[in-house]
């Protein structure tokens, strides 16, 4: 798995994971092609990430942080006004 982006302020950014790093394993477990990379972990937990950077293998300790991503849920109104229908149509 090649890192293509690191969000500023994220655990990866704070603890030194860089774009173009190749992640080999997390806590000694090979990284899956898809799915959850760190199942069962929560903010405050520490993990060990083995990666390759510029041909060198590195082991980086990473302290997981709370995600700063916001989640939204959109629900359709049961009786939208004409104005709300116009906004929905143009959105």
PDB file of N, CA and C in Angstrom:
ATOM      1  N   UNK A   1       0.851  -1.167   0.000  1.00  0.00           N
ATOM      2  CA  UNK A   1       0.000   0.000   0.000  1.00  0.00           C
ATOM      3  C   UNK A   1       0.897   1.231   0.000  1.00  0.00           C
ATOM      4  N   UNK A   2       0.712   2.073  -0.984  1.00  0.00           N
ATOM      5  CA  UNK A   2       1.487   3.311  -1.110  1.00  0.00           C
ATOM      6  C   UNK A   2       0.643   4.474  -0.591  1.00  0.00           C
ATOM      7  N   UNK A   3       1.232   5.291   0.256  1.00  0.00           N
ATOM      8  CA  UNK A   3       0.547   6.456   0.817  1.00  0.00           C
ATOM      9  C   UNK A   3       0.469   7.531  -0.268  1.00  0.00           C
ATOM     10  N   UNK A   4      -0.753   7.958  -0.585  1.00  0.00           N
ATOM     11  CA  UNK A   4      -0.940   8.982  -1.616  1.00  0.00           C
ATOM     12  C   UNK A   4      -1.301  10.341  -1.036  1.00  0.00           C
ATOM     13  N   UNK A   5      -1.615  10.390   0.248  1.00  0.00           N
ATOM     14  CA  UNK A   5      -1.940  11.660   0.887  1.00  0.00           C
ATOM     15  C   UNK A   5      -1.951  11.503   2.392  1.00  0.00           C
ATOM     16  N   UNK A   6      -1.561  12.545   3.093  1.00  0.00           N
ATOM     17  CA  UNK A   6      -1.559  12.550   4.554  1.00  0.00           C
ATOM     18  C   UNK A   6      -2.235  13.834   5.010  1.00  0.00           C
ATOM     19  N   UNK A   7      -3.312  13.703   5.762  1.00  0.00           N
ATOM     20  CA  UNK A   7      -4.047  14.881   6.238  1.00  0.00           C
ATOM     21  C   UNK A   7      -3.285  15.585   7.352  1.00  0.00           C
ATOM     22  N   UNK A   8      -3.150  16.903   7.205  1.00  0.00           N
ATOM     23  CA  UNK A   8      -2.480  17.706   8.233  1.00  0.00           C
ATOM     24  C   UNK A   8      -3.189  17.511   9.580  1.00  0.00           C
ATOM     25  N   UNK A   9      -2.411  17.262  10.608  1.00  0.00           N
ATOM     26  CA  UNK A   9      -2.953  17.094  11.948  1.00  0.00           C
ATOM     27  C   UNK A   9      -3.378  15.669  12.268  1.00  0.00           C
ATOM     28  N   UNK A  10      -3.351  14.774  11.281  1.00  0.00           N
ATOM     29  CA  UNK A  10      -3.731  13.377  11.528  1.00  0.00           C
ATOM     30  C   UNK A  10      -2.603  12.658  12.274  1.00  0.00           C
ATOM     31  N   UNK A  11      -2.897  11.481  12.807  1.00  0.00           N
ATOM     32  CA  UNK A  11      -1.876  10.690  13.503  1.00  0.00           C
ATOM     33  C   UNK A  11      -0.714  10.381  12.569  1.00  0.00           C
ATOM     34  N   UNK A  12      -1.012  10.048  11.316  1.00  0.00           N
ATOM     35  CA  UNK A  12       0.046   9.747  10.347  1.00  0.00           C
ATOM     36  C   UNK A  12       0.948  10.970  10.150  1.00  0.00           C
ATOM     37  N   UNK A  13       0.343  12.139  10.016  1.00  0.00           N
ATOM     38  CA  UNK A  13       1.106  13.376   9.807  1.00  0.00           C
ATOM     39  C   UNK A  13       1.949  13.706  11.036  1.00  0.00           C
ATOM     40  N   UNK A  14       1.330  13.628  12.220  1.00  0.00           N
ATOM     41  CA  UNK A  14       2.018  13.969  13.468  1.00  0.00           C
ATOM     42  C   UNK A  14       3.225  13.050  13.705  1.00  0.00           C
ATOM     43  N   UNK A  15       3.056  11.762  13.423  1.00  0.00           N
ATOM     44  CA  UNK A  15       4.106  10.794  13.753  1.00  0.00           C
ATOM     45  C   UNK A  15       5.013  10.432  12.583  1.00  0.00           C
ATOM     46  N   UNK A  16       4.860  11.110  11.439  1.00  0.00           N
ATOM     47  CA  UNK A  16       5.886  11.020  10.414  1.00  0.00           C
ATOM     48  C   UNK A  16       5.668  10.150   9.204  1.00  0.00           C
ATOM     49  N   UNK A  17       4.439   9.725   8.914  1.00  0.00           N
ATOM     50  CA  UNK A  17       4.206   8.994   7.671  1.00  0.00           C
ATOM     51  C   UNK A  17       4.128  10.008   6.536  1.00  0.00           C
ATOM     52  N   UNK A  18       4.810   9.712   5.427  1.00  0.00           N
ATOM     53  CA  UNK A  18       4.900  10.640   4.306  1.00  0.00           C
ATOM     54  C   UNK A  18       4.247  10.077   3.052  1.00  0.00           C
ATOM     55  N   UNK A  19       3.887  10.969   2.156  1.00  0.00           N
ATOM     56  CA  UNK A  19       3.413  10.572   0.828  1.00  0.00           C
ATOM     57  C   UNK A  19       4.522   9.760   0.166  1.00  0.00           C
ATOM     58  N   UNK A  20       4.130   8.708  -0.535  1.00  0.00           N
ATOM     59  CA  UNK A  20       5.011   7.765  -1.239  1.00  0.00           C
ATOM     60  C   UNK A  20       5.650   6.725  -0.331  1.00  0.00           C
ATOM     61  N   UNK A  21       5.382   6.758   0.981  1.00  0.00           N
ATOM     62  CA  UNK A  21       5.819   5.657   1.837  1.00  0.00           C
ATOM     63  C   UNK A  21       5.029   4.411   1.433  1.00  0.00           C
ATOM     64  N   UNK A  22       5.684   3.260   1.480  1.00  0.00           N
ATOM     65  CA  UNK A  22       4.992   1.996   1.222  1.00  0.00           C
ATOM     66  C   UNK A  22       4.793   1.291   2.557  1.00  0.00           C
ATOM     67  N   UNK A  23       3.544   1.152   2.982  1.00  0.00           N
ATOM     68  CA  UNK A  23       3.256   0.503   4.261  1.00  0.00           C
ATOM     69  C   UNK A  23       3.256  -1.002   4.057  1.00  0.00           C
ATOM     70  N   UNK A  24       4.099  -1.688   4.835  1.00  0.00           N
ATOM     71  CA  UNK A  24       4.229  -3.135   4.733  1.00  0.00           C
ATOM     72  C   UNK A  24       3.359  -3.866   5.750  1.00  0.00           C
ATOM     73  N   UNK A  25       3.373  -3.375   6.999  1.00  0.00           N
ATOM     74  CA  UNK A  25       2.597  -4.050   8.037  1.00  0.00           C
ATOM     75  C   UNK A  25       2.253  -3.078   9.152  1.00  0.00           C
ATOM     76  N   UNK A  26       1.237  -3.466   9.920  1.00  0.00           N
ATOM     77  CA  UNK A  26       0.828  -2.709  11.104  1.00  0.00           C
ATOM     78  C   UNK A  26       0.771  -3.700  12.251  1.00  0.00           C
ATOM     79  N   UNK A  27       1.546  -3.417  13.296  1.00  0.00           N
ATOM     80  CA  UNK A  27       1.670  -4.332  14.431  1.00  0.00           C
ATOM     81  C   UNK A  27       2.047  -5.737  13.980  1.00  0.00           C
ATOM     82  N   UNK A  28       2.912  -5.836  12.960  1.00  0.00           N
ATOM     83  CA  UNK A  28       3.406  -7.112  12.485  1.00  0.00           C
ATOM     84  C   UNK A  28       2.470  -7.854  11.550  1.00  0.00           C
ATOM     85  N   UNK A  29       1.294  -7.286  11.276  1.00  0.00           N
ATOM     86  CA  UNK A  29       0.319  -7.938  10.391  1.00  0.00           C
ATOM     87  C   UNK A  29       0.397  -7.277   9.016  1.00  0.00           C
ATOM     88  N   UNK A  30       0.616  -8.070   7.945  1.00  0.00           N
ATOM     89  CA  UNK A  30       0.670  -7.479   6.610  1.00  0.00           C
ATOM     90  C   UNK A  30      -0.593  -6.674   6.311  1.00  0.00           C
ATOM     91  N   UNK A  31      -0.420  -5.575   5.610  1.00  0.00           N
ATOM     92  CA  UNK A  31      -1.528  -4.683   5.291  1.00  0.00           C
ATOM     93  C   UNK A  31      -2.421  -5.343   4.236  1.00  0.00           C
ATOM     94  N   UNK A  32      -3.739  -5.396   4.491  1.00  0.00           N
ATOM     95  CA  UNK A  32      -4.652  -5.981   3.503  1.00  0.00           C
ATOM     96  C   UNK A  32      -4.808  -5.066   2.292  1.00  0.00           C
ATOM     97  N   UNK A  33      -5.213  -5.651   1.168  1.00  0.00           N
ATOM     98  CA  UNK A  33      -5.425  -4.843  -0.041  1.00  0.00           C
ATOM     99  C   UNK A  33      -6.604  -3.907   0.124  1.00  0.00           C
ATOM    100  N   UNK A  34      -7.640  -4.334   0.862  1.00  0.00           N
ATOM    101  CA  UNK A  34      -8.771  -3.475   1.165  1.00  0.00           C
ATOM    102  C   UNK A  34      -9.297  -3.810   2.543  1.00  0.00           C
ATOM    103  N   UNK A  35     -10.182  -2.962   3.002  1.00  0.00           N
ATOM    104  CA  UNK A  35     -10.784  -3.198   4.308  1.00  0.00           C
ATOM    105  C   UNK A  35     -10.119  -2.373   5.399  1.00  0.00           C
ATOM    106  N   UNK A  36     -10.477  -2.671   6.614  1.00  0.00           N
ATOM    107  CA  UNK A  36     -10.003  -1.943   7.786  1.00  0.00           C
ATOM    108  C   UNK A  36      -8.537  -2.274   8.050  1.00  0.00           C
ATOM    109  N   UNK A  37      -7.711  -1.243   8.103  1.00  0.00           N
ATOM    110  CA  UNK A  37      -6.288  -1.453   8.343  1.00  0.00           C
ATOM    111  C   UNK A  37      -5.972  -1.730   9.798  1.00  0.00           C
ATOM    112  N   UNK A  38      -6.763  -1.181  10.693  1.00  0.00           N
ATOM    113  CA  UNK A  38      -6.482  -1.337  12.124  1.00  0.00           C
ATOM    114  C   UNK A  38      -7.761  -1.672  12.894  1.00  0.00           C
ATOM    115  N   UNK A  39      -8.333  -2.850  12.650  1.00  0.00           N
ATOM    116  CA  UNK A  39      -9.581  -3.195  13.343  1.00  0.00           C
ATOM    117  C   UNK A  39      -9.382  -3.267  14.854  1.00  0.00           C
ATOM    118  N   UNK A  40     -10.386  -2.807  15.574  1.00  0.00           N
ATOM    119  CA  UNK A  40     -10.370  -2.907  17.026  1.00  0.00           C
ATOM    120  C   UNK A  40      -9.531  -1.863  17.732  1.00  0.00           C
ATOM    121  N   UNK A  41      -8.968  -0.928  17.009  1.00  0.00           N
ATOM    122  CA  UNK A  41      -8.144   0.116  17.634  1.00  0.00           C
ATOM    123  C   UNK A  41      -8.986   1.367  17.851  1.00  0.00           C
ATOM    124  N   UNK A  42      -8.569   2.160  18.835  1.00  0.00           N
ATOM    125  CA  UNK A  42      -9.310   3.381  19.160  1.00  0.00           C
ATOM    126  C   UNK A  42      -8.325   4.510  19.447  1.00  0.00           C
ATOM    127  N   UNK A  43      -8.808   5.752  19.481  1.00  0.00           N
ATOM    128  CA  UNK A  43      -7.917   6.870  19.784  1.00  0.00           C
ATOM    129  C   UNK A  43      -7.154   6.634  21.086  1.00  0.00           C
ATOM    130  N   UNK A  44      -5.876   6.952  21.060  1.00  0.00           N
ATOM    131  CA  UNK A  44      -5.008   6.753  22.211  1.00  0.00           C
ATOM    132  C   UNK A  44      -4.183   5.479  22.123  1.00  0.00           C
ATOM    133  N   UNK A  45      -4.661   4.490  21.334  1.00  0.00           N
ATOM    134  CA  UNK A  45      -3.891   3.260  21.147  1.00  0.00           C
ATOM    135  C   UNK A  45      -2.636   3.574  20.344  1.00  0.00           C
ATOM    136  N   UNK A  46      -1.597   2.773  20.564  1.00  0.00           N
ATOM    137  CA  UNK A  46      -0.363   2.921  19.797  1.00  0.00           C
ATOM    138  C   UNK A  46      -0.203   1.718  18.889  1.00  0.00           C
ATOM    139  N   UNK A  47       0.249   1.977  17.663  1.00  0.00           N
ATOM    140  CA  UNK A  47       0.514   0.912  16.703  1.00  0.00           C
ATOM    141  C   UNK A  47       1.933   1.083  16.176  1.00  0.00           C
ATOM    142  N   UNK A  48       2.492   0.004  15.638  1.00  0.00           N
ATOM    143  CA  UNK A  48       3.813   0.067  15.018  1.00  0.00           C
ATOM    144  C   UNK A  48       3.634  -0.160  13.519  1.00  0.00           C
ATOM    145  N   UNK A  49       4.046   0.804  12.727  1.00  0.00           N
ATOM    146  CA  UNK A  49       3.900   0.734  11.279  1.00  0.00           C
ATOM    147  C   UNK A  49       5.275   0.468  10.662  1.00  0.00           C
ATOM    148  N   UNK A  50       5.376  -0.632   9.922  1.00  0.00           N
ATOM    149  CA  UNK A  50       6.603  -0.930   9.168  1.00  0.00           C
ATOM    150  C   UNK A  50       6.376  -0.437   7.752  1.00  0.00           C
ATOM    151  N   UNK A  51       7.325   0.378   7.274  1.00  0.00           N
ATOM    152  CA  UNK A  51       7.179   0.939   5.938  1.00  0.00           C
ATOM    153  C   UNK A  51       8.524   1.029   5.247  1.00  0.00           C
ATOM    154  N   UNK A  52       8.454   1.258   3.941  1.00  0.00           N
ATOM    155  CA  UNK A  52       9.655   1.484   3.146  1.00  0.00           C
ATOM    156  C   UNK A  52       9.604   2.908   2.639  1.00  0.00           C
ATOM    157  N   UNK A  53      10.695   3.649   2.885  1.00  0.00           N
ATOM    158  CA  UNK A  53      10.817   5.033   2.426  1.00  0.00           C
ATOM    159  C   UNK A  53      12.190   5.188   1.771  1.00  0.00           C
ATOM    160  N   UNK A  54      12.183   5.549   0.517  1.00  0.00           N
ATOM    161  CA  UNK A  54      13.437   5.756  -0.221  1.00  0.00           C
ATOM    162  C   UNK A  54      14.363   4.546  -0.115  1.00  0.00           C
ATOM    163  N   UNK A  55      13.782   3.346  -0.175  1.00  0.00           N
ATOM    164  CA  UNK A  55      14.570   2.121  -0.143  1.00  0.00           C
ATOM    165  C   UNK A  55      14.963   1.647   1.242  1.00  0.00           C
ATOM    166  N   UNK A  56      14.646   2.413   2.271  1.00  0.00           N
ATOM    167  CA  UNK A  56      14.976   2.032   3.653  1.00  0.00           C
ATOM    168  C   UNK A  56      13.734   1.558   4.383  1.00  0.00           C
ATOM    169  N   UNK A  57      13.872   0.472   5.135  1.00  0.00           N
ATOM    170  CA  UNK A  57      12.758  -0.022   5.945  1.00  0.00           C
ATOM    171  C   UNK A  57      12.789   0.676   7.298  1.00  0.00           C
ATOM    172  N   UNK A  58      11.639   1.210   7.691  1.00  0.00           N
ATOM    173  CA  UNK A  58      11.514   1.931   8.957  1.00  0.00           C
ATOM    174  C   UNK A  58      10.368   1.364   9.774  1.00  0.00           C
ATOM    175  N   UNK A  59      10.500   1.418  11.094  1.00  0.00           N
ATOM    176  CA  UNK A  59       9.420   1.081  12.013  1.00  0.00           C
ATOM    177  C   UNK A  59       9.039   2.375  12.728  1.00  0.00           C
ATOM    178  N   UNK A  60       7.802   2.833  12.494  1.00  0.00           N
ATOM    179  CA  UNK A  60       7.340   4.073  13.118  1.00  0.00           C
ATOM    180  C   UNK A  60       6.250   3.792  14.141  1.00  0.00           C
ATOM    181  N   UNK A  61       6.443   4.240  15.390  1.00  0.00           N
ATOM    182  CA  UNK A  61       5.352   4.147  16.357  1.00  0.00           C
ATOM    183  C   UNK A  61       4.356   5.273  16.078  1.00  0.00           C
ATOM    184  N   UNK A  62       3.086   4.924  16.026  1.00  0.00           N
ATOM    185  CA  UNK A  62       2.026   5.895  15.742  1.00  0.00           C
ATOM    186  C   UNK A  62       1.004   5.842  16.865  1.00  0.00           C
ATOM    187  N   UNK A  63       0.691   6.996  17.439  1.00  0.00           N
ATOM    188  CA  UNK A  63      -0.368   7.081  18.441  1.00  0.00           C
ATOM    189  C   UNK A  63      -1.633   7.545  17.738  1.00  0.00           C
ATOM    190  N   UNK A  64      -2.673   6.715  17.775  1.00  0.00           N
ATOM    191  CA  UNK A  64      -3.911   7.028  17.075  1.00  0.00           C
ATOM    192  C   UNK A  64      -4.625   8.209  17.727  1.00  0.00           C
ATOM    193  N   UNK A  65      -5.135   9.081  16.879  1.00  0.00           N
ATOM    194  CA  UNK A  65      -5.877  10.253  17.327  1.00  0.00           C
ATOM    195  C   UNK A  65      -7.336  10.106  16.937  1.00  0.00           C
ATOM    196  N   UNK A  66      -8.171  10.897  17.556  1.00  0.00           N
ATOM    197  CA  UNK A  66      -9.586  10.911  17.184  1.00  0.00           C
ATOM    198  C   UNK A  66      -9.716  11.504  15.788  1.00  0.00           C
ATOM    199  N   UNK A  67     -10.552  10.901  14.979  1.00  0.00           N
ATOM    200  CA  UNK A  67     -10.763  11.389  13.617  1.00  0.00           C
ATOM    201  C   UNK A  67     -11.408  12.760  13.666  1.00  0.00           C
ATOM    202  N   UNK A  68     -10.923  13.646  12.797  1.00  0.00           N
ATOM    203  CA  UNK A  68     -11.538  14.976  12.725  1.00  0.00           C
ATOM    204  C   UNK A  68     -12.525  15.063  11.557  1.00  0.00           C
ATOM    205  N   UNK A  69     -12.823  13.923  10.959  1.00  0.00           N
ATOM    206  CA  UNK A  69     -13.808  13.897   9.880  1.00  0.00           C
ATOM    207  C   UNK A  69     -15.199  14.012  10.472  1.00  0.00           C
ATOM    208  N   UNK A  70     -16.032  14.785   9.807  1.00  0.00           N
ATOM    209  CA  UNK A  70     -17.406  14.931  10.256  1.00  0.00           C
ATOM    210  C   UNK A  70     -18.298  14.032   9.416  1.00  0.00           C
ATOM    211  N   UNK A  71     -19.278  13.453  10.053  1.00  0.00           N
ATOM    212  CA  UNK A  71     -20.212  12.599   9.345  1.00  0.00           C
ATOM    213  C   UNK A  71     -21.559  13.300   9.268  1.00  0.00           C
ATOM    214  N   UNK A  72     -22.201  13.165   8.128  1.00  0.00           N
ATOM    215  CA  UNK A  72     -23.492  13.786   7.912  1.00  0.00           C
ATOM    216  C   UNK A  72     -24.483  12.731   7.450  1.00  0.00           C
ATOM    217  N   UNK A  73     -25.727  12.957   7.775  1.00  0.00           N
ATOM    218  CA  UNK A  73     -26.790  12.078   7.308  1.00  0.00           C
ATOM    219  C   UNK A  73     -27.848  12.967   6.670  1.00  0.00           C
ATOM    220  N   UNK A  74     -28.223  12.619   5.453  1.00  0.00           N
ATOM    221  CA  UNK A  74     -29.244  13.389   4.742  1.00  0.00           C
ATOM    222  C   UNK A  74     -30.529  12.582   4.710  1.00  0.00           C
ATOM    223  N   UNK A  75     -31.613  13.229   5.062  1.00  0.00           N
ATOM    224  CA  UNK A  75     -32.919  12.581   5.041  1.00  0.00           C
ATOM    225  C   UNK A  75     -33.884  13.452   4.252  1.00  0.00           C
ATOM    226  N   UNK A  76     -34.730  12.795   3.491  1.00  0.00           N
ATOM    227  CA  UNK A  76     -35.734  13.521   2.719  1.00  0.00           C
ATOM    228  C   UNK A  76     -36.865  13.955   3.643  1.00  0.00           C
ATOM    229  N   UNK A  77     -37.294  15.199   3.494  1.00  0.00           N
ATOM    230  CA  UNK A  77     -38.415  15.698   4.287  1.00  0.00           C
ATOM    231  C   UNK A  77     -39.714  15.078   3.771  1.00  0.00           C
ATOM    232  N   UNK A  78     -40.642  14.771   4.668  1.00  0.00           N
ATOM    233  CA  UNK A  78     -41.887  14.149   4.228  1.00  0.00           C
ATOM    234  C   UNK A  78     -42.766  15.092   3.402  1.00  0.00           C
ATOM    235  N   UNK A  79     -42.739  16.396   3.697  1.00  0.00           N
ATOM    236  CA  UNK A  79     -43.582  17.365   2.983  1.00  0.00           C
ATOM    237  C   UNK A  79     -42.762  18.603   2.625  1.00  0.00           C
ATOM    238  N   UNK A  80     -41.836  18.502   1.649  1.00  0.00           N
ATOM    239  CA  UNK A  80     -41.002  19.660   1.320  1.00  0.00           C
ATOM    240  C   UNK A  80     -41.819  20.784   0.684  1.00  0.00           C
ATOM    241  N   UNK A  81     -41.360  22.019   0.964  1.00  0.00           N
ATOM    242  CA  UNK A  81     -42.010  23.179   0.354  1.00  0.00           C
ATOM    243  C   UNK A  81     -41.564  23.286  -1.108  1.00  0.00           C
ATOM    244  N   UNK A  82     -42.249  24.136  -1.868  1.00  0.00           N
ATOM    245  CA  UNK A  82     -41.890  24.367  -3.265  1.00  0.00           C
ATOM    246  C   UNK A  82     -40.463  24.897  -3.360  1.00  0.00           C
ATOM    247  N   UNK A  83     -40.101  25.798  -2.448  1.00  0.00           N
ATOM    248  CA  UNK A  83     -38.745  26.354  -2.430  1.00  0.00           C
ATOM    249  C   UNK A  83     -37.711  25.264  -2.153  1.00  0.00           C
ATOM    250  N   UNK A  84     -37.986  24.364  -1.206  1.00  0.00           N
ATOM    251  CA  UNK A  84     -37.066  23.274  -0.899  1.00  0.00           C
ATOM    252  C   UNK A  84     -36.918  22.322  -2.088  1.00  0.00           C
ATOM    253  N   UNK A  85     -37.997  22.046  -2.794  1.00  0.00           N
ATOM    254  CA  UNK A  85     -37.928  21.202  -3.985  1.00  0.00           C
ATOM    255  C   UNK A  85     -37.081  21.851  -5.072  1.00  0.00           C
ATOM    256  N   UNK A  86     -37.175  23.178  -5.200  1.00  0.00           N
ATOM    257  CA  UNK A  86     -36.367  23.904  -6.180  1.00  0.00           C
ATOM    258  C   UNK A  86     -34.882  23.801  -5.839  1.00  0.00           C
ATOM    259  N   UNK A  87     -34.559  23.982  -4.568  1.00  0.00           N
ATOM    260  CA  UNK A  87     -33.160  23.870  -4.125  1.00  0.00           C
ATOM    261  C   UNK A  87     -32.636  22.461  -4.391  1.00  0.00           C
ATOM    262  N   UNK A  88     -33.421  21.436  -4.067  1.00  0.00           N
ATOM    263  CA  UNK A  88     -33.022  20.050  -4.296  1.00  0.00           C
ATOM    264  C   UNK A  88     -32.766  19.795  -5.784  1.00  0.00           C
ATOM    265  N   UNK A  89     -33.661  20.314  -6.613  1.00  0.00           N
ATOM    266  CA  UNK A  89     -33.538  20.104  -8.051  1.00  0.00           C
ATOM    267  C   UNK A  89     -32.286  20.766  -8.611  1.00  0.00           C
ATOM    268  N   UNK A  90     -31.953  21.957  -8.102  1.00  0.00           N
ATOM    269  CA  UNK A  90     -30.797  22.719  -8.603  1.00  0.00           C
ATOM    270  C   UNK A  90     -29.498  22.343  -7.917  1.00  0.00           C
ATOM    271  N   UNK A  91     -29.550  21.575  -6.853  1.00  0.00           N
ATOM    272  CA  UNK A  91     -28.360  21.234  -6.081  1.00  0.00           C
ATOM    273  C   UNK A  91     -27.600  20.173  -6.701  1.00  0.00           C
TER     274      UNK A  91
END
